Amino acid sequence: MTASSTTAPTPAGRARTGGPQDSGPKILEHVLGWTLVVVVAMFVTQLGLM
């Protein structure tokens, strides 16, 4: 028996590699990420670094 036939299939049909889980609201992650970008940009401009 090969290793691929003994493992259970994942919902996406791919083997898990130990990366981040595919759970959680994606929109919240994107909104928080862009908010962080804007805050850092404002901080940099206030310090006069750009």
PDB file of N, CA and C in Angstrom:
ATOM      1  N   MET A   1       0.836  -1.179   0.000  1.00  0.00           N
ATOM      2  CA  MET A   1       0.000   0.000   0.000  1.00  0.00           C
ATOM      3  C   MET A   1       0.884   1.246   0.000  1.00  0.00           C
ATOM      4  N   THR A   2       0.525   2.230  -0.772  1.00  0.00           N
ATOM      5  CA  THR A   2       1.308   3.459  -0.812  1.00  0.00           C
ATOM      6  C   THR A   2       0.809   4.426   0.255  1.00  0.00           C
ATOM      7  N   ALA A   3       1.612   5.429   0.524  1.00  0.00           N
ATOM      8  CA  ALA A   3       1.240   6.405   1.549  1.00  0.00           C
ATOM      9  C   ALA A   3       0.009   7.194   1.132  1.00  0.00           C
ATOM     10  N   SER A   4      -0.136   7.462  -0.156  1.00  0.00           N
ATOM     11  CA  SER A   4      -1.281   8.260  -0.596  1.00  0.00           C
ATOM     12  C   SER A   4      -2.592   7.494  -0.472  1.00  0.00           C
ATOM     13  N   SER A   5      -2.548   6.169  -0.540  1.00  0.00           N
ATOM     14  CA  SER A   5      -3.791   5.417  -0.432  1.00  0.00           C
ATOM     15  C   SER A   5      -4.185   5.165   1.022  1.00  0.00           C
ATOM     16  N   THR A   6      -3.265   5.359   1.952  1.00  0.00           N
ATOM     17  CA  THR A   6      -3.595   5.112   3.356  1.00  0.00           C
ATOM     18  C   THR A   6      -4.050   6.367   4.075  1.00  0.00           C
ATOM     19  N   THR A   7      -3.803   7.547   3.508  1.00  0.00           N
ATOM     20  CA  THR A   7      -4.199   8.783   4.180  1.00  0.00           C
ATOM     21  C   THR A   7      -5.615   9.155   3.780  1.00  0.00           C
ATOM     22  N   ALA A   8      -6.296   9.807   4.677  1.00  0.00           N
ATOM     23  CA  ALA A   8      -7.666  10.240   4.397  1.00  0.00           C
ATOM     24  C   ALA A   8      -7.623  11.471   3.500  1.00  0.00           C
ATOM     25  N   PRO A   9      -8.511  11.546   2.537  1.00  0.00           N
ATOM     26  CA  PRO A   9      -8.521  12.717   1.660  1.00  0.00           C
ATOM     27  C   PRO A   9      -9.005  13.955   2.405  1.00  0.00           C
ATOM     28  N   THR A  10      -8.433  15.109   2.074  1.00  0.00           N
ATOM     29  CA  THR A  10      -8.860  16.372   2.674  1.00  0.00           C
ATOM     30  C   THR A  10      -9.989  16.935   1.832  1.00  0.00           C
ATOM     31  N   PRO A  11     -10.756  17.889   2.367  1.00  0.00           N
ATOM     32  CA  PRO A  11     -11.869  18.455   1.594  1.00  0.00           C
ATOM     33  C   PRO A  11     -11.425  19.066   0.267  1.00  0.00           C
ATOM     34  N   ALA A  12     -10.241  19.663   0.219  1.00  0.00           N
ATOM     35  CA  ALA A  12      -9.774  20.277  -1.019  1.00  0.00           C
ATOM     36  C   ALA A  12      -9.091  19.254  -1.919  1.00  0.00           C
ATOM     37  N   GLY A  13      -8.888  18.030  -1.437  1.00  0.00           N
ATOM     38  CA  GLY A  13      -8.252  17.010  -2.243  1.00  0.00           C
ATOM     39  C   GLY A  13      -6.736  17.062  -2.201  1.00  0.00           C
ATOM     40  N   ARG A  14      -6.175  17.900  -1.347  1.00  0.00           N
ATOM     41  CA  ARG A  14      -4.720  18.038  -1.247  1.00  0.00           C
ATOM     42  C   ARG A  14      -4.265  17.553   0.119  1.00  0.00           C
ATOM     43  N   ALA A  15      -3.011  17.141   0.196  1.00  0.00           N
ATOM     44  CA  ALA A  15      -2.436  16.736   1.477  1.00  0.00           C
ATOM     45  C   ALA A  15      -2.071  17.981   2.274  1.00  0.00           C
ATOM     46  N   ARG A  16      -2.307  17.935   3.560  1.00  0.00           N
ATOM     47  CA  ARG A  16      -1.938  19.067   4.418  1.00  0.00           C
ATOM     48  C   ARG A  16      -0.436  19.086   4.623  1.00  0.00           C
ATOM     49  N   THR A  17       0.133  20.279   4.616  1.00  0.00           N
ATOM     50  CA  THR A  17       1.582  20.412   4.772  1.00  0.00           C
ATOM     51  C   THR A  17       1.972  21.083   6.075  1.00  0.00           C
ATOM     52  N   GLY A  18       1.028  21.296   6.964  1.00  0.00           N
ATOM     53  CA  GLY A  18       1.342  21.906   8.248  1.00  0.00           C
ATOM     54  C   GLY A  18       1.236  23.417   8.239  1.00  0.00           C
ATOM     55  N   GLY A  19       0.686  23.999   7.182  1.00  0.00           N
ATOM     56  CA  GLY A  19       0.531  25.449   7.092  1.00  0.00           C
ATOM     57  C   GLY A  19      -0.632  25.925   7.941  1.00  0.00           C
ATOM     58  N   PRO A  20      -0.985  27.204   7.786  1.00  0.00           N
ATOM     59  CA  PRO A  20      -2.106  27.729   8.564  1.00  0.00           C
ATOM     60  C   PRO A  20      -3.412  27.046   8.184  1.00  0.00           C
ATOM     61  N   GLN A  21      -4.291  26.954   9.135  1.00  0.00           N
ATOM     62  CA  GLN A  21      -5.576  26.306   8.900  1.00  0.00           C
ATOM     63  C   GLN A  21      -6.447  27.186   8.009  1.00  0.00           C
ATOM     64  N   ASP A  22      -7.337  26.574   7.272  1.00  0.00           N
ATOM     65  CA  ASP A  22      -8.232  27.301   6.377  1.00  0.00           C
ATOM     66  C   ASP A  22      -9.534  27.645   7.085  1.00  0.00           C
ATOM     67  N   SER A  23      -9.446  28.240   8.238  1.00  0.00           N
ATOM     68  CA  SER A  23     -10.648  28.585   8.977  1.00  0.00           C
ATOM     69  C   SER A  23     -10.594  30.048   9.381  1.00  0.00           C
ATOM     70  N   GLY A  24     -11.720  30.603   9.707  1.00  0.00           N
ATOM     71  CA  GLY A  24     -11.783  31.988  10.143  1.00  0.00           C
ATOM     72  C   GLY A  24     -12.282  32.885   9.031  1.00  0.00           C
ATOM     73  N   PRO A  25     -12.805  34.041   9.427  1.00  0.00           N
ATOM     74  CA  PRO A  25     -13.339  34.971   8.430  1.00  0.00           C
ATOM     75  C   PRO A  25     -12.219  35.666   7.660  1.00  0.00           C
ATOM     76  N   LYS A  26     -12.211  35.487   6.359  1.00  0.00           N
ATOM     77  CA  LYS A  26     -11.166  36.083   5.528  1.00  0.00           C
ATOM     78  C   LYS A  26     -11.316  37.593   5.422  1.00  0.00           C
ATOM     79  N   ILE A  27     -12.548  38.095   5.406  1.00  0.00           N
ATOM     80  CA  ILE A  27     -12.753  39.534   5.239  1.00  0.00           C
ATOM     81  C   ILE A  27     -12.185  40.297   6.428  1.00  0.00           C
ATOM     82  N   LEU A  28     -12.322  39.751   7.620  1.00  0.00           N
ATOM     83  CA  LEU A  28     -11.782  40.412   8.804  1.00  0.00           C
ATOM     84  C   LEU A  28     -10.262  40.496   8.720  1.00  0.00           C
ATOM     85  N   GLU A  29      -9.636  39.421   8.245  1.00  0.00           N
ATOM     86  CA  GLU A  29      -8.185  39.407   8.097  1.00  0.00           C
ATOM     87  C   GLU A  29      -7.734  40.468   7.102  1.00  0.00           C
ATOM     88  N   HIS A  30      -8.450  40.619   6.007  1.00  0.00           N
ATOM     89  CA  HIS A  30      -8.089  41.616   5.000  1.00  0.00           C
ATOM     90  C   HIS A  30      -8.284  43.036   5.522  1.00  0.00           C
ATOM     91  N   VAL A  31      -9.387  43.266   6.214  1.00  0.00           N
ATOM     92  CA  VAL A  31      -9.662  44.600   6.753  1.00  0.00           C
ATOM     93  C   VAL A  31      -8.602  44.986   7.782  1.00  0.00           C
ATOM     94  N   LEU A  32      -8.266  44.070   8.667  1.00  0.00           N
ATOM     95  CA  LEU A  32      -7.245  44.381   9.673  1.00  0.00           C
ATOM     96  C   LEU A  32      -5.882  44.591   9.032  1.00  0.00           C
ATOM     97  N   GLY A  33      -5.581  43.831   7.999  1.00  0.00           N
ATOM     98  CA  GLY A  33      -4.304  43.999   7.306  1.00  0.00           C
ATOM     99  C   GLY A  33      -4.183  45.361   6.651  1.00  0.00           C
ATOM    100  N   TRP A  34      -5.233  45.788   5.945  1.00  0.00           N
ATOM    101  CA  TRP A  34      -5.188  47.090   5.294  1.00  0.00           C
ATOM    102  C   TRP A  34      -5.226  48.218   6.311  1.00  0.00           C
ATOM    103  N   THR A  35      -5.910  48.014   7.429  1.00  0.00           N
ATOM    104  CA  THR A  35      -5.895  49.030   8.487  1.00  0.00           C
ATOM    105  C   THR A  35      -4.484  49.208   9.029  1.00  0.00           C
ATOM    106  N   LEU A  36      -3.780  48.106   9.214  1.00  0.00           N
ATOM    107  CA  LEU A  36      -2.394  48.189   9.673  1.00  0.00           C
ATOM    108  C   LEU A  36      -1.523  48.926   8.661  1.00  0.00           C
ATOM    109  N   VAL A  37      -1.723  48.675   7.379  1.00  0.00           N
ATOM    110  CA  VAL A  37      -0.954  49.364   6.339  1.00  0.00           C
ATOM    111  C   VAL A  37      -1.192  50.865   6.400  1.00  0.00           C
ATOM    112  N   VAL A  38      -2.446  51.265   6.547  1.00  0.00           N
ATOM    113  CA  VAL A  38      -2.778  52.691   6.595  1.00  0.00           C
ATOM    114  C   VAL A  38      -2.187  53.344   7.839  1.00  0.00           C
ATOM    115  N   VAL A  39      -2.275  52.680   8.979  1.00  0.00           N
ATOM    116  CA  VAL A  39      -1.738  53.243  10.223  1.00  0.00           C
ATOM    117  C   VAL A  39      -0.226  53.409  10.133  1.00  0.00           C
ATOM    118  N   VAL A  40       0.460  52.424   9.589  1.00  0.00           N
ATOM    119  CA  VAL A  40       1.920  52.525   9.432  1.00  0.00           C
ATOM    120  C   VAL A  40       2.267  53.649   8.463  1.00  0.00           C
ATOM    121  N   ALA A  41       1.523  53.786   7.374  1.00  0.00           N
ATOM    122  CA  ALA A  41       1.775  54.863   6.411  1.00  0.00           C
ATOM    123  C   ALA A  41       1.570  56.231   7.064  1.00  0.00           C
ATOM    124  N   MET A  42       0.531  56.376   7.879  1.00  0.00           N
ATOM    125  CA  MET A  42       0.311  57.640   8.566  1.00  0.00           C
ATOM    126  C   MET A  42       1.435  57.934   9.556  1.00  0.00           C
ATOM    127  N   PHE A  43       1.876  56.920  10.254  1.00  0.00           N
ATOM    128  CA  PHE A  43       2.962  57.082  11.227  1.00  0.00           C
ATOM    129  C   PHE A  43       4.256  57.503  10.529  1.00  0.00           C
ATOM    130  N   VAL A  44       4.558  56.879   9.408  1.00  0.00           N
ATOM    131  CA  VAL A  44       5.778  57.195   8.662  1.00  0.00           C
ATOM    132  C   VAL A  44       5.733  58.631   8.140  1.00  0.00           C
ATOM    133  N   THR A  45       4.585  59.057   7.624  1.00  0.00           N
ATOM    134  CA  THR A  45       4.494  60.419   7.101  1.00  0.00           C
ATOM    135  C   THR A  45       4.542  61.445   8.236  1.00  0.00           C
ATOM    136  N   GLN A  46       3.998  61.133   9.385  1.00  0.00           N
ATOM    137  CA  GLN A  46       4.058  62.074  10.514  1.00  0.00           C
ATOM    138  C   GLN A  46       5.489  62.248  11.007  1.00  0.00           C
ATOM    139  N   LEU A  47       6.282  61.199  10.911  1.00  0.00           N
ATOM    140  CA  LEU A  47       7.682  61.298  11.335  1.00  0.00           C
ATOM    141  C   LEU A  47       8.556  61.948  10.278  1.00  0.00           C
ATOM    142  N   GLY A  48       8.019  62.121   9.084  1.00  0.00           N
ATOM    143  CA  GLY A  48       8.772  62.741   8.014  1.00  0.00           C
ATOM    144  C   GLY A  48       9.812  61.824   7.395  1.00  0.00           C
ATOM    145  N   LEU A  49       9.588  60.526   7.455  1.00  0.00           N
ATOM    146  CA  LEU A  49      10.542  59.591   6.894  1.00  0.00           C
ATOM    147  C   LEU A  49      10.380  59.428   5.394  1.00  0.00           C
ATOM    148  N   MET A  50       9.266  59.894   4.853  1.00  0.00           N
ATOM    149  CA  MET A  50       9.059  59.827   3.398  1.00  0.00           C
ATOM    150  C   MET A  50       8.592  61.176   2.886  1.00  0.00           C
TER     151      MET A  50
END
